[in-house]
C-alpha atoms as a PDB file:
ATOM      1  CA  MET A   1      40.134   5.654-192.611  1.00  0.00           C
ATOM      2  CA  LYS A   2      41.330   3.563-189.706  1.00  0.00           C
ATOM      3  CA  LYS A   3      44.511   1.546-189.959  1.00  0.00           C
ATOM      4  CA  ILE A   4      44.668  -2.000-188.612  1.00  0.00           C
ATOM      5  CA  LEU A   5      48.013  -3.703-188.135  1.00  0.00           C
ATOM      6  CA  ILE A   6      48.225  -7.476-187.764  1.00  0.00           C
ATOM      7  CA  VAL A   7      51.349  -8.447-185.827  1.00  0.00           C
ATOM      8  CA  CYS A   8      53.239 -11.728-185.471  1.00  0.00           C
ATOM      9  CA  GLY A   9      56.746 -12.719-184.534  1.00  0.00           C
ATOM     10  CA  ASN A  10      58.192 -12.738-188.052  1.00  0.00           C
ATOM     11  CA  GLY A  11      55.532 -10.873-190.031  1.00  0.00           C
ATOM     12  CA  LEU A  12      55.041 -13.771-192.409  1.00  0.00           C
ATOM     13  CA  GLY A  13      52.547 -16.637-192.389  1.00  0.00           C
ATOM     14  CA  SER A  14      50.226 -16.247-189.448  1.00  0.00           C
ATOM     15  CA  SER A  15      49.843 -12.479-189.708  1.00  0.00           C
ATOM     16  CA  PHE A  16      49.102 -12.761-193.439  1.00  0.00           C
ATOM     17  CA  ILE A  17      46.338 -15.310-192.796  1.00  0.00           C
ATOM     18  CA  VAL A  18      44.814 -13.103-190.092  1.00  0.00           C
ATOM     19  CA  GLU A  19      45.072 -10.084-192.426  1.00  0.00           C
ATOM     20  CA  MET A  20      43.023 -11.906-195.076  1.00  0.00           C
ATOM     21  CA  ASN A  21      40.402 -12.863-192.458  1.00  0.00           C
ATOM     22  CA  VAL A  22      40.260  -9.289-191.112  1.00  0.00           C
ATOM     23  CA  LYS A  23      39.705  -7.899-194.623  1.00  0.00           C
ATOM     24  CA  LYS A  24      36.886 -10.400-195.213  1.00  0.00           C
ATOM     25  CA  ILE A  25      35.219  -9.539-191.901  1.00  0.00           C
ATOM     26  CA  ILE A  26      35.515  -5.786-192.511  1.00  0.00           C
ATOM     27  CA  LYS A  27      33.737  -6.273-195.824  1.00  0.00           C
ATOM     28  CA  GLU A  28      31.005  -8.349-194.113  1.00  0.00           C
ATOM     29  CA  LEU A  29      30.523  -5.525-191.599  1.00  0.00           C
ATOM     30  CA  GLY A  30      30.220  -2.966-194.395  1.00  0.00           C
ATOM     31  CA  LYS A  31      33.169  -1.010-192.995  1.00  0.00           C
ATOM     32  CA  ASP A  32      36.371   0.294-194.526  1.00  0.00           C
ATOM     33  CA  ALA A  33      39.914   0.149-193.129  1.00  0.00           C
ATOM     34  CA  ASP A  34      43.511  -0.063-194.251  1.00  0.00           C
ATOM     35  CA  VAL A  35      44.815  -3.481-193.158  1.00  0.00           C
ATOM     36  CA  SER A  36      48.411  -4.696-193.259  1.00  0.00           C
ATOM     37  CA  HIS A  37      50.649  -7.180-191.459  1.00  0.00           C
ATOM     38  CA  THR A  38      54.130  -6.916-190.005  1.00  0.00           C
ATOM     39  CA  ASP A  39      56.583  -8.357-187.516  1.00  0.00           C
ATOM     40  CA  LEU A  40      56.771  -7.303-183.868  1.00  0.00           C
ATOM     41  CA  SER A  41      59.949  -5.217-184.232  1.00  0.00           C
ATOM     42  CA  SER A  42      58.501  -3.140-187.065  1.00  0.00           C
ATOM     43  CA  ALA A  43      55.142  -2.784-185.312  1.00  0.00           C
ATOM     44  CA  LYS A  44      56.795  -1.028-182.384  1.00  0.00           C
ATOM     45  CA  SER A  45      57.562   1.958-184.596  1.00  0.00           C
ATOM     46  CA  GLU A  46      54.529   1.789-186.887  1.00  0.00           C
ATOM     47  CA  SER A  47      51.424   3.820-186.175  1.00  0.00           C
ATOM     48  CA  ALA A  48      47.976   2.202-186.358  1.00  0.00           C
ATOM     49  CA  ASP A  49      44.539   2.638-184.842  1.00  0.00           C
ATOM     50  CA  ILE A  50      44.176  -1.052-183.964  1.00  0.00           C
ATOM     51  CA  TYR A  51      46.821  -3.732-183.391  1.00  0.00           C
ATOM     52  CA  ILE A  52      45.814  -7.407-183.499  1.00  0.00           C
ATOM     53  CA  GLY A  53      47.996 -10.442-182.816  1.00  0.00           C
ATOM     54  CA  SER A  54      48.502 -13.451-180.616  1.00  0.00           C
ATOM     55  CA  THR A  55      48.158 -12.726-176.925  1.00  0.00           C
ATOM     56  CA  GLU A  56      51.851 -13.429-176.257  1.00  0.00           C
ATOM     57  CA  ILE A  57      53.159 -11.217-179.086  1.00  0.00           C
ATOM     58  CA  ILE A  58      50.746  -8.321-178.847  1.00  0.00           C
ATOM     59  CA  ALA A  59      51.400  -7.827-175.116  1.00  0.00           C
ATOM     60  CA  ASN A  60      54.781  -6.369-176.138  1.00  0.00           C
ATOM     61  CA  LEU A  61      52.980  -3.456-177.809  1.00  0.00           C
ATOM     62  CA  ASP A  62      50.606  -2.629-174.964  1.00  0.00           C
ATOM     63  CA  ASP A  63      51.876   0.717-173.709  1.00  0.00           C
ATOM     64  CA  GLY A  64      48.543   1.982-172.395  1.00  0.00           C
ATOM     65  CA  LYS A  65      48.101   4.258-175.428  1.00  0.00           C
ATOM     66  CA  ARG A  66      47.712   1.778-178.267  1.00  0.00           C
ATOM     67  CA  LYS A  67      44.530  -0.201-178.895  1.00  0.00           C
ATOM     68  CA  VAL A  68      45.903  -3.730-178.807  1.00  0.00           C
ATOM     69  CA  PHE A  69      43.845  -6.898-179.012  1.00  0.00           C
ATOM     70  CA  GLY A  70      45.270 -10.325-178.282  1.00  0.00           C
ATOM     71  CA  LEU A  71      43.901 -13.527-179.730  1.00  0.00           C
ATOM     72  CA  THR A  72      44.405 -16.882-178.033  1.00  0.00           C
ATOM     73  CA  ASN A  73      43.441 -18.494-181.354  1.00  0.00           C
ATOM     74  CA  LEU A  74      44.527 -16.550-184.452  1.00  0.00           C
ATOM     75  CA  LEU A  75      41.818 -18.252-186.511  1.00  0.00           C
ATOM     76  CA  ASP A  76      38.970 -17.248-184.176  1.00  0.00           C
ATOM     77  CA  ASN A  77      36.986 -15.204-186.678  1.00  0.00           C
ATOM     78  CA  ALA A  78      34.133 -14.714-184.213  1.00  0.00           C
ATOM     79  CA  LYS A  79      36.500 -12.927-181.814  1.00  0.00           C
ATOM     80  CA  ILE A  80      38.044 -10.909-184.647  1.00  0.00           C
ATOM     81  CA  LYS A  81      34.558  -9.877-185.781  1.00  0.00           C
ATOM     82  CA  GLU A  82      33.685  -8.803-182.227  1.00  0.00           C
ATOM     83  CA  ILE A  83      36.864  -6.689-181.994  1.00  0.00           C
ATOM     84  CA  LEU A  84      36.237  -5.028-185.333  1.00  0.00           C
ATOM     85  CA  ALA A  85      32.520  -4.439-184.770  1.00  0.00           C
ATOM     86  CA  ASN A  86      33.267  -2.679-181.479  1.00  0.00           C
ATOM     87  CA  ASN A  87      36.248  -0.619-182.668  1.00  0.00           C
ATOM     88  CA  LEU A  88      35.658   0.488-186.262  1.00  0.00           C
END
């Protein structure tokens, strides 16, 4: 099962909202994944198959090896669905 990590600056509000949306979209797609949220500092040492967060935050995790996806609008469910459909 793939692991998806939702990342924000503090690992609180915005990442939790995106996590709920990601779980809903995964269900709509008929897929299965382990989804959790965290802050940027913790994400740097946490392993995941897909990292999702705001464009500004997620750029800090882009090391050329991780699959990172930045969102200009964290509530853009169409973009989240596109990311998940193409990567799960």
